[in-house]
C-alpha cells in the first residue's frame, strides 16, 4: 500500500508516562515506516527557495525543482517572502491547549491586507 505523509511532523502530545512507553508519542508516519521500505521527497516545487532554506535543518537533502519554483511569483505587496513579527499579546490557557486571540487578530489582518492587494 502507499502512504503519503511527513514522518517529521509534530508527534502527538502524550500526558501519560504509561502510554509513552508504548510509543504513542511517535508520529503516525514514523510508526508506519518502521521496518518498511520508503522513499522521501527529494525535490520540492511548492515554496519559494528562500522559504525552503528555512527547513534545511529538518530536510537537509531537499532541493528545489528549479523548473517549477522559477515560475513561482513572490507577493510584490510585501518586501520579503519571509518575515518575523513580535508582539506583546499573551496566550491564555484553555483546557489542555493555549489560545492567543491577539496574535490571531494580527494574522487575520495580514490575510485581509494580502487579499485586497
C-alpha atoms as a PDB file:
ATOM      1  CA  UNK A   1       0.000   0.000   0.000  1.00  0.00           C
ATOM      2  CA  UNK A   2       1.061   3.607  -0.479  1.00  0.00           C
ATOM      3  CA  UNK A   3       1.075   6.148   2.349  1.00  0.00           C
ATOM      4  CA  UNK A   4       1.949   9.783   1.813  1.00  0.00           C
ATOM      5  CA  UNK A   5       2.874  11.939   4.774  1.00  0.00           C
ATOM      6  CA  UNK A   6       5.595  13.659   6.730  1.00  0.00           C
ATOM      7  CA  UNK A   7       7.459  11.468   9.240  1.00  0.00           C
ATOM      8  CA  UNK A   8       8.983  14.598  10.772  1.00  0.00           C
ATOM      9  CA  UNK A   9       5.633  16.151  11.629  1.00  0.00           C
ATOM     10  CA  UNK A  10       4.997  17.103  15.212  1.00  0.00           C
ATOM     11  CA  UNK A  11       4.260  13.964  17.196  1.00  0.00           C
ATOM     12  CA  UNK A  12       1.159  13.719  19.379  1.00  0.00           C
ATOM     13  CA  UNK A  13       1.465  15.133  22.871  1.00  0.00           C
ATOM     14  CA  UNK A  14       1.159  12.356  25.407  1.00  0.00           C
ATOM     15  CA  UNK A  15       0.489  13.360  29.009  1.00  0.00           C
ATOM     16  CA  UNK A  16       0.747   9.828  30.361  1.00  0.00           C
ATOM     17  CA  UNK A  17       4.067   8.156  31.106  1.00  0.00           C
ATOM     18  CA  UNK A  18       2.248   4.834  30.875  1.00  0.00           C
ATOM     19  CA  UNK A  19       1.189   5.461  27.246  1.00  0.00           C
ATOM     20  CA  UNK A  20       4.568   6.947  26.297  1.00  0.00           C
ATOM     21  CA  UNK A  21       6.142   3.545  26.999  1.00  0.00           C
ATOM     22  CA  UNK A  22       4.077   2.129  24.115  1.00  0.00           C
ATOM     23  CA  UNK A  23       5.365   4.649  21.539  1.00  0.00           C
ATOM     24  CA  UNK A  24       2.171   6.709  21.497  1.00  0.00           C
ATOM     25  CA  UNK A  25       4.420   9.793  21.295  1.00  0.00           C
ATOM     26  CA  UNK A  26       5.633   8.693  17.846  1.00  0.00           C
ATOM     27  CA  UNK A  27       4.040  10.296  14.789  1.00  0.00           C
ATOM     28  CA  UNK A  28       1.827   8.008  12.737  1.00  0.00           C
ATOM     29  CA  UNK A  29       4.126   8.190   9.695  1.00  0.00           C
ATOM     30  CA  UNK A  30       7.197   7.330  11.785  1.00  0.00           C
ATOM     31  CA  UNK A  31       5.324   4.375  13.234  1.00  0.00           C
ATOM     32  CA  UNK A  32       4.117   3.165   9.811  1.00  0.00           C
ATOM     33  CA  UNK A  33       7.605   3.491   8.311  1.00  0.00           C
ATOM     34  CA  UNK A  34       9.284   1.349  10.962  1.00  0.00           C
ATOM     35  CA  UNK A  35      10.763  -1.640   9.181  1.00  0.00           C
ATOM     36  CA  UNK A  36       9.174  -0.826   5.822  1.00  0.00           C
ATOM     37  CA  UNK A  37      10.872   0.490   2.685  1.00  0.00           C
ATOM     38  CA  UNK A  38      10.151   4.147   1.948  1.00  0.00           C
ATOM     39  CA  UNK A  39      11.089   6.935  -0.412  1.00  0.00           C
ATOM     40  CA  UNK A  40      11.500  10.545   0.691  1.00  0.00           C
ATOM     41  CA  UNK A  41      10.742  13.632  -1.331  1.00  0.00           C
ATOM     42  CA  UNK A  42      13.947  14.857  -2.965  1.00  0.00           C
ATOM     43  CA  UNK A  43      12.739  17.926  -4.873  1.00  0.00           C
ATOM     44  CA  UNK A  44      10.014  20.378  -3.975  1.00  0.00           C
ATOM     45  CA  UNK A  45       8.093  22.794  -6.133  1.00  0.00           C
ATOM     46  CA  UNK A  46       5.545  24.398  -3.804  1.00  0.00           C
ATOM     47  CA  UNK A  47       7.545  27.064  -1.970  1.00  0.00           C
ATOM     48  CA  UNK A  48       9.966  29.779  -2.872  1.00  0.00           C
ATOM     49  CA  UNK A  49      13.614  28.780  -2.360  1.00  0.00           C
ATOM     50  CA  UNK A  50      14.106  31.367   0.405  1.00  0.00           C
ATOM     51  CA  UNK A  51      11.337  29.640   2.372  1.00  0.00           C
ATOM     52  CA  UNK A  52      12.665  26.119   1.693  1.00  0.00           C
ATOM     53  CA  UNK A  53      16.092  27.162   3.032  1.00  0.00           C
ATOM     54  CA  UNK A  54      14.489  27.703   6.447  1.00  0.00           C
ATOM     55  CA  UNK A  55      13.706  23.979   6.560  1.00  0.00           C
ATOM     56  CA  UNK A  56      17.206  22.769   5.694  1.00  0.00           C
ATOM     57  CA  UNK A  57      17.925  21.665   9.284  1.00  0.00           C
ATOM     58  CA  UNK A  58      14.900  19.361   9.165  1.00  0.00           C
ATOM     59  CA  UNK A  59      15.167  18.323   5.499  1.00  0.00           C
ATOM     60  CA  UNK A  60      18.882  18.670   4.632  1.00  0.00           C
ATOM     61  CA  UNK A  61      18.625  16.742   1.337  1.00  0.00           C
ATOM     62  CA  UNK A  62      15.565  18.565  -0.011  1.00  0.00           C
ATOM     63  CA  UNK A  63      16.272  20.505  -3.208  1.00  0.00           C
ATOM     64  CA  UNK A  64      14.198  22.853  -5.333  1.00  0.00           C
ATOM     65  CA  UNK A  65      12.601  21.693  -8.558  1.00  0.00           C
ATOM     66  CA  UNK A  66      14.116  24.634 -10.408  1.00  0.00           C
ATOM     67  CA  UNK A  67      11.819  24.322 -13.430  1.00  0.00           C
ATOM     68  CA  UNK A  68       8.782  24.711 -11.162  1.00  0.00           C
ATOM     69  CA  UNK A  69       9.959  27.136  -8.477  1.00  0.00           C
ATOM     70  CA  UNK A  70      11.414  29.521 -11.064  1.00  0.00           C
ATOM     71  CA  UNK A  71       7.807  30.174 -12.144  1.00  0.00           C
ATOM     72  CA  UNK A  72       6.548  30.912  -8.619  1.00  0.00           C
ATOM     73  CA  UNK A  73       5.776  34.567  -8.047  1.00  0.00           C
ATOM     74  CA  UNK A  74       6.512  36.297  -4.776  1.00  0.00           C
ATOM     75  CA  UNK A  75       3.981  38.827  -3.487  1.00  0.00           C
ATOM     76  CA  UNK A  76       5.149  42.257  -4.570  1.00  0.00           C
ATOM     77  CA  UNK A  77       2.999  43.953  -1.923  1.00  0.00           C
ATOM     78  CA  UNK A  78       5.379  42.905   0.860  1.00  0.00           C
ATOM     79  CA  UNK A  79       9.143  43.490   0.733  1.00  0.00           C
ATOM     80  CA  UNK A  80      10.240  39.950   1.641  1.00  0.00           C
ATOM     81  CA  UNK A  81       8.773  36.459   1.271  1.00  0.00           C
ATOM     82  CA  UNK A  82       9.698  35.622   4.866  1.00  0.00           C
ATOM     83  CA  UNK A  83       9.362  37.914   7.836  1.00  0.00           C
ATOM     84  CA  UNK A  84       9.129  37.558  11.600  1.00  0.00           C
ATOM     85  CA  UNK A  85       6.983  39.564  13.938  1.00  0.00           C
ATOM     86  CA  UNK A  86       6.943  40.202  17.630  1.00  0.00           C
ATOM     87  CA  UNK A  87       4.054  41.295  19.779  1.00  0.00           C
ATOM     88  CA  UNK A  88       3.011  41.679  23.376  1.00  0.00           C
ATOM     89  CA  UNK A  89      -0.193  39.618  23.214  1.00  0.00           C
ATOM     90  CA  UNK A  90      -0.289  36.992  25.962  1.00  0.00           C
ATOM     91  CA  UNK A  91      -1.557  33.495  25.313  1.00  0.00           C
ATOM     92  CA  UNK A  92      -4.252  32.090  27.562  1.00  0.00           C
ATOM     93  CA  UNK A  93      -4.715  28.530  28.714  1.00  0.00           C
ATOM     94  CA  UNK A  94      -7.962  26.896  27.623  1.00  0.00           C
ATOM     95  CA  UNK A  95      -8.270  23.369  28.932  1.00  0.00           C
ATOM     96  CA  UNK A  96      -5.296  21.376  27.679  1.00  0.00           C
ATOM     97  CA  UNK A  97      -4.436  23.886  24.960  1.00  0.00           C
ATOM     98  CA  UNK A  98      -3.478  27.533  24.557  1.00  0.00           C
ATOM     99  CA  UNK A  99      -5.006  30.383  22.567  1.00  0.00           C
ATOM    100  CA  UNK A 100      -3.682  33.793  21.604  1.00  0.00           C
ATOM    101  CA  UNK A 101      -6.517  35.933  20.265  1.00  0.00           C
ATOM    102  CA  UNK A 102      -4.279  38.983  19.773  1.00  0.00           C
ATOM    103  CA  UNK A 103      -1.892  37.000  17.596  1.00  0.00           C
ATOM    104  CA  UNK A 104      -4.831  35.520  15.670  1.00  0.00           C
ATOM    105  CA  UNK A 105      -6.172  39.040  15.028  1.00  0.00           C
ATOM    106  CA  UNK A 106      -2.761  40.101  13.688  1.00  0.00           C
ATOM    107  CA  UNK A 107      -2.687  37.086  11.342  1.00  0.00           C
ATOM    108  CA  UNK A 108      -6.223  37.896  10.141  1.00  0.00           C
ATOM    109  CA  UNK A 109      -5.170  41.491   9.413  1.00  0.00           C
ATOM    110  CA  UNK A 110      -2.267  40.274   7.267  1.00  0.00           C
ATOM    111  CA  UNK A 111      -4.578  37.947   5.340  1.00  0.00           C
ATOM    112  CA  UNK A 112      -7.069  40.779   4.758  1.00  0.00           C
ATOM    113  CA  UNK A 113      -4.220  43.014   3.538  1.00  0.00           C
ATOM    114  CA  UNK A 114      -2.969  40.368   1.119  1.00  0.00           C
ATOM    115  CA  UNK A 115      -6.479  39.703  -0.217  1.00  0.00           C
ATOM    116  CA  UNK A 116      -7.038  43.322  -1.227  1.00  0.00           C
ATOM    117  CA  UNK A 117      -3.666  43.649  -2.964  1.00  0.00           C
END
